[in-house]
Amino acid sequence: MKSKYKNVYFNTSPSRSKNKKKWIAAIMINGQHYRQGFNDEKEAAKYVDLCCIKAGIPQRNGTYKTL
């Protein structure tokens, strides 16, 4: 299933992964991989944006308001 957010996808893999049937937020910033599973698509998008904010780069999905 495709997400409307950048760097977010739904994991339907039949593997024994703990993130099976979850929304996955996955992004690489400055050579560092960030990946986490969520039950909610928007929460996954927020995680991607939070990683971007912490790294000092523009948000991918605009889920956080800028000051």
N, C-alpha and C. Protein backbone atom coordinates (compact mmCIF):
# COMPACT_ATOMS: atom_id res chain seq x y z
N MET A 1 0.85 -1.17 0.00
CA MET A 1 0.00 0.00 0.00
C MET A 1 0.90 1.24 0.00
N LYS A 2 0.56 2.19 -0.83
CA LYS A 2 1.37 3.39 -0.96
C LYS A 2 0.85 4.49 -0.03
N SER A 3 1.77 5.18 0.60
CA SER A 3 1.41 6.27 1.50
C SER A 3 1.35 7.59 0.74
N LYS A 4 0.57 8.52 1.27
CA LYS A 4 0.54 9.86 0.69
C LYS A 4 1.69 10.70 1.22
N TYR A 5 2.44 10.17 2.18
CA TYR A 5 3.58 10.87 2.77
C TYR A 5 4.91 10.35 2.22
N LYS A 6 5.89 11.22 2.19
CA LYS A 6 7.22 10.84 1.71
C LYS A 6 7.94 10.05 2.77
N ASN A 7 8.71 9.05 2.33
CA ASN A 7 9.52 8.19 3.18
C ASN A 7 8.68 7.33 4.14
N VAL A 8 7.43 7.05 3.76
CA VAL A 8 6.53 6.20 4.56
C VAL A 8 5.93 5.15 3.63
N TYR A 9 5.88 3.90 4.10
CA TYR A 9 5.24 2.84 3.32
C TYR A 9 4.62 1.82 4.27
N PHE A 10 3.71 1.02 3.75
CA PHE A 10 3.06 -0.02 4.54
C PHE A 10 3.76 -1.33 4.30
N ASN A 11 4.20 -1.97 5.36
CA ASN A 11 4.94 -3.23 5.26
C ASN A 11 3.95 -4.40 5.24
N THR A 12 3.86 -5.06 4.12
CA THR A 12 3.00 -6.24 3.98
C THR A 12 3.82 -7.51 3.82
N SER A 13 5.09 -7.41 4.10
CA SER A 13 6.00 -8.53 3.94
C SER A 13 5.56 -9.72 4.78
N PRO A 14 5.61 -10.93 4.21
CA PRO A 14 5.22 -12.12 4.97
C PRO A 14 6.29 -12.60 5.95
N SER A 15 7.35 -11.81 6.11
CA SER A 15 8.44 -12.23 7.00
C SER A 15 7.99 -12.19 8.47
N ARG A 16 8.84 -12.64 9.33
CA ARG A 16 8.53 -12.65 10.76
C ARG A 16 8.93 -11.35 11.44
N SER A 17 9.09 -10.33 10.67
CA SER A 17 9.49 -9.02 11.18
C SER A 17 8.50 -8.49 12.20
N LYS A 18 9.01 -7.80 13.23
CA LYS A 18 8.13 -7.21 14.24
C LYS A 18 7.33 -6.05 13.65
N ASN A 19 7.75 -5.54 12.49
CA ASN A 19 7.04 -4.44 11.84
C ASN A 19 6.08 -4.92 10.76
N LYS A 20 5.72 -6.19 10.79
CA LYS A 20 4.79 -6.75 9.81
C LYS A 20 3.43 -6.07 9.94
N LYS A 21 2.86 -5.70 8.82
CA LYS A 21 1.56 -5.03 8.76
C LYS A 21 1.53 -3.73 9.56
N LYS A 22 2.57 -2.94 9.40
CA LYS A 22 2.66 -1.62 10.04
C LYS A 22 3.14 -0.60 9.02
N TRP A 23 2.88 0.66 9.32
CA TRP A 23 3.42 1.75 8.52
C TRP A 23 4.88 1.93 8.93
N ILE A 24 5.76 1.99 7.96
CA ILE A 24 7.18 2.12 8.22
C ILE A 24 7.66 3.50 7.79
N ALA A 25 8.34 4.17 8.71
CA ALA A 25 9.00 5.43 8.40
C ALA A 25 10.47 5.09 8.20
N ALA A 26 11.01 5.43 7.04
CA ALA A 26 12.40 5.10 6.75
C ALA A 26 13.05 6.26 6.01
N ILE A 27 14.17 6.74 6.56
CA ILE A 27 14.87 7.86 5.94
C ILE A 27 16.36 7.74 6.26
N MET A 28 17.21 8.19 5.35
CA MET A 28 18.64 8.24 5.59
C MET A 28 19.07 9.70 5.53
N ILE A 29 19.70 10.16 6.61
CA ILE A 29 20.16 11.53 6.71
C ILE A 29 21.64 11.51 7.07
N ASN A 30 22.46 12.13 6.24
CA ASN A 30 23.91 12.20 6.47
C ASN A 30 24.51 10.82 6.72
N GLY A 31 24.06 9.83 5.97
CA GLY A 31 24.59 8.47 6.08
C GLY A 31 24.02 7.65 7.23
N GLN A 32 23.14 8.25 8.03
CA GLN A 32 22.53 7.55 9.17
C GLN A 32 21.13 7.10 8.78
N HIS A 33 20.83 5.82 8.99
CA HIS A 33 19.51 5.27 8.68
C HIS A 33 18.59 5.40 9.89
N TYR A 34 17.37 5.84 9.64
CA TYR A 34 16.33 5.92 10.66
C TYR A 34 15.14 5.12 10.13
N ARG A 35 14.65 4.19 10.94
CA ARG A 35 13.55 3.33 10.50
C ARG A 35 12.77 2.89 11.73
N GLN A 36 11.45 3.04 11.67
CA GLN A 36 10.61 2.64 12.79
C GLN A 36 9.22 2.30 12.29
N GLY A 37 8.55 1.36 12.96
CA GLY A 37 7.21 0.95 12.60
C GLY A 37 6.15 1.65 13.44
N PHE A 38 5.02 1.96 12.82
CA PHE A 38 3.91 2.64 13.48
C PHE A 38 2.59 2.01 13.05
N ASN A 39 1.58 2.10 13.90
CA ASN A 39 0.24 1.63 13.55
C ASN A 39 -0.51 2.66 12.72
N ASP A 40 -0.10 3.92 12.81
CA ASP A 40 -0.78 5.03 12.14
C ASP A 40 0.13 5.67 11.09
N GLU A 41 -0.40 5.89 9.90
CA GLU A 41 0.38 6.46 8.80
C GLU A 41 0.89 7.86 9.13
N LYS A 42 0.05 8.70 9.74
CA LYS A 42 0.47 10.07 10.04
C LYS A 42 1.55 10.10 11.12
N GLU A 43 1.50 9.19 12.08
CA GLU A 43 2.55 9.11 13.10
C GLU A 43 3.89 8.76 12.46
N ALA A 44 3.88 7.91 11.46
CA ALA A 44 5.11 7.58 10.74
C ALA A 44 5.65 8.81 10.02
N ALA A 45 4.76 9.60 9.41
CA ALA A 45 5.18 10.83 8.73
C ALA A 45 5.76 11.84 9.72
N LYS A 46 5.18 11.90 10.92
CA LYS A 46 5.69 12.80 11.95
C LYS A 46 7.10 12.39 12.38
N TYR A 47 7.34 11.09 12.46
CA TYR A 47 8.67 10.60 12.83
C TYR A 47 9.70 11.02 11.78
N VAL A 48 9.35 10.90 10.51
CA VAL A 48 10.25 11.32 9.43
C VAL A 48 10.57 12.81 9.58
N ASP A 49 9.55 13.63 9.81
CA ASP A 49 9.76 15.06 9.97
C ASP A 49 10.58 15.39 11.21
N LEU A 50 10.36 14.68 12.29
CA LEU A 50 11.13 14.90 13.50
C LEU A 50 12.61 14.59 13.28
N CYS A 51 12.90 13.54 12.55
CA CYS A 51 14.29 13.22 12.21
C CYS A 51 14.91 14.35 11.40
N CYS A 52 14.14 14.90 10.47
CA CYS A 52 14.63 16.01 9.65
C CYS A 52 14.90 17.25 10.50
N ILE A 53 13.98 17.56 11.41
CA ILE A 53 14.15 18.73 12.28
C ILE A 53 15.40 18.57 13.14
N LYS A 54 15.59 17.40 13.71
CA LYS A 54 16.76 17.16 14.56
C LYS A 54 18.06 17.27 13.77
N ALA A 55 18.01 16.94 12.49
CA ALA A 55 19.20 17.02 11.64
C ALA A 55 19.39 18.42 11.04
N GLY A 56 18.40 19.28 11.23
CA GLY A 56 18.51 20.65 10.72
C GLY A 56 18.25 20.78 9.23
N ILE A 57 17.45 19.87 8.68
CA ILE A 57 17.11 19.94 7.26
C ILE A 57 15.59 20.14 7.12
N PRO A 58 15.12 20.57 5.96
CA PRO A 58 13.67 20.79 5.78
C PRO A 58 12.86 19.51 5.97
N GLN A 59 11.66 19.68 6.52
CA GLN A 59 10.75 18.55 6.70
C GLN A 59 10.34 17.96 5.35
N ARG A 60 10.10 16.68 5.32
CA ARG A 60 9.64 16.01 4.10
C ARG A 60 8.12 16.10 3.92
N ASN A 61 7.39 16.12 5.06
CA ASN A 61 5.93 16.04 4.97
C ASN A 61 5.21 17.24 5.57
N GLY A 62 5.90 18.12 6.23
CA GLY A 62 5.30 19.33 6.79
C GLY A 62 4.29 19.06 7.89
N THR A 63 4.52 18.05 8.72
CA THR A 63 3.57 17.73 9.79
C THR A 63 3.77 18.61 11.01
N TYR A 64 4.89 19.28 11.12
CA TYR A 64 5.15 20.20 12.24
C TYR A 64 5.17 21.62 11.72
N LYS A 65 4.54 22.52 12.44
CA LYS A 65 4.53 23.92 12.05
C LYS A 65 5.88 24.54 12.40
N THR A 66 6.36 25.40 11.53
CA THR A 66 7.63 26.09 11.80
C THR A 66 7.36 27.41 12.48
N LEU A 67 8.31 27.85 13.27
CA LEU A 67 8.14 29.12 13.99
C LEU A 67 8.51 30.29 13.13
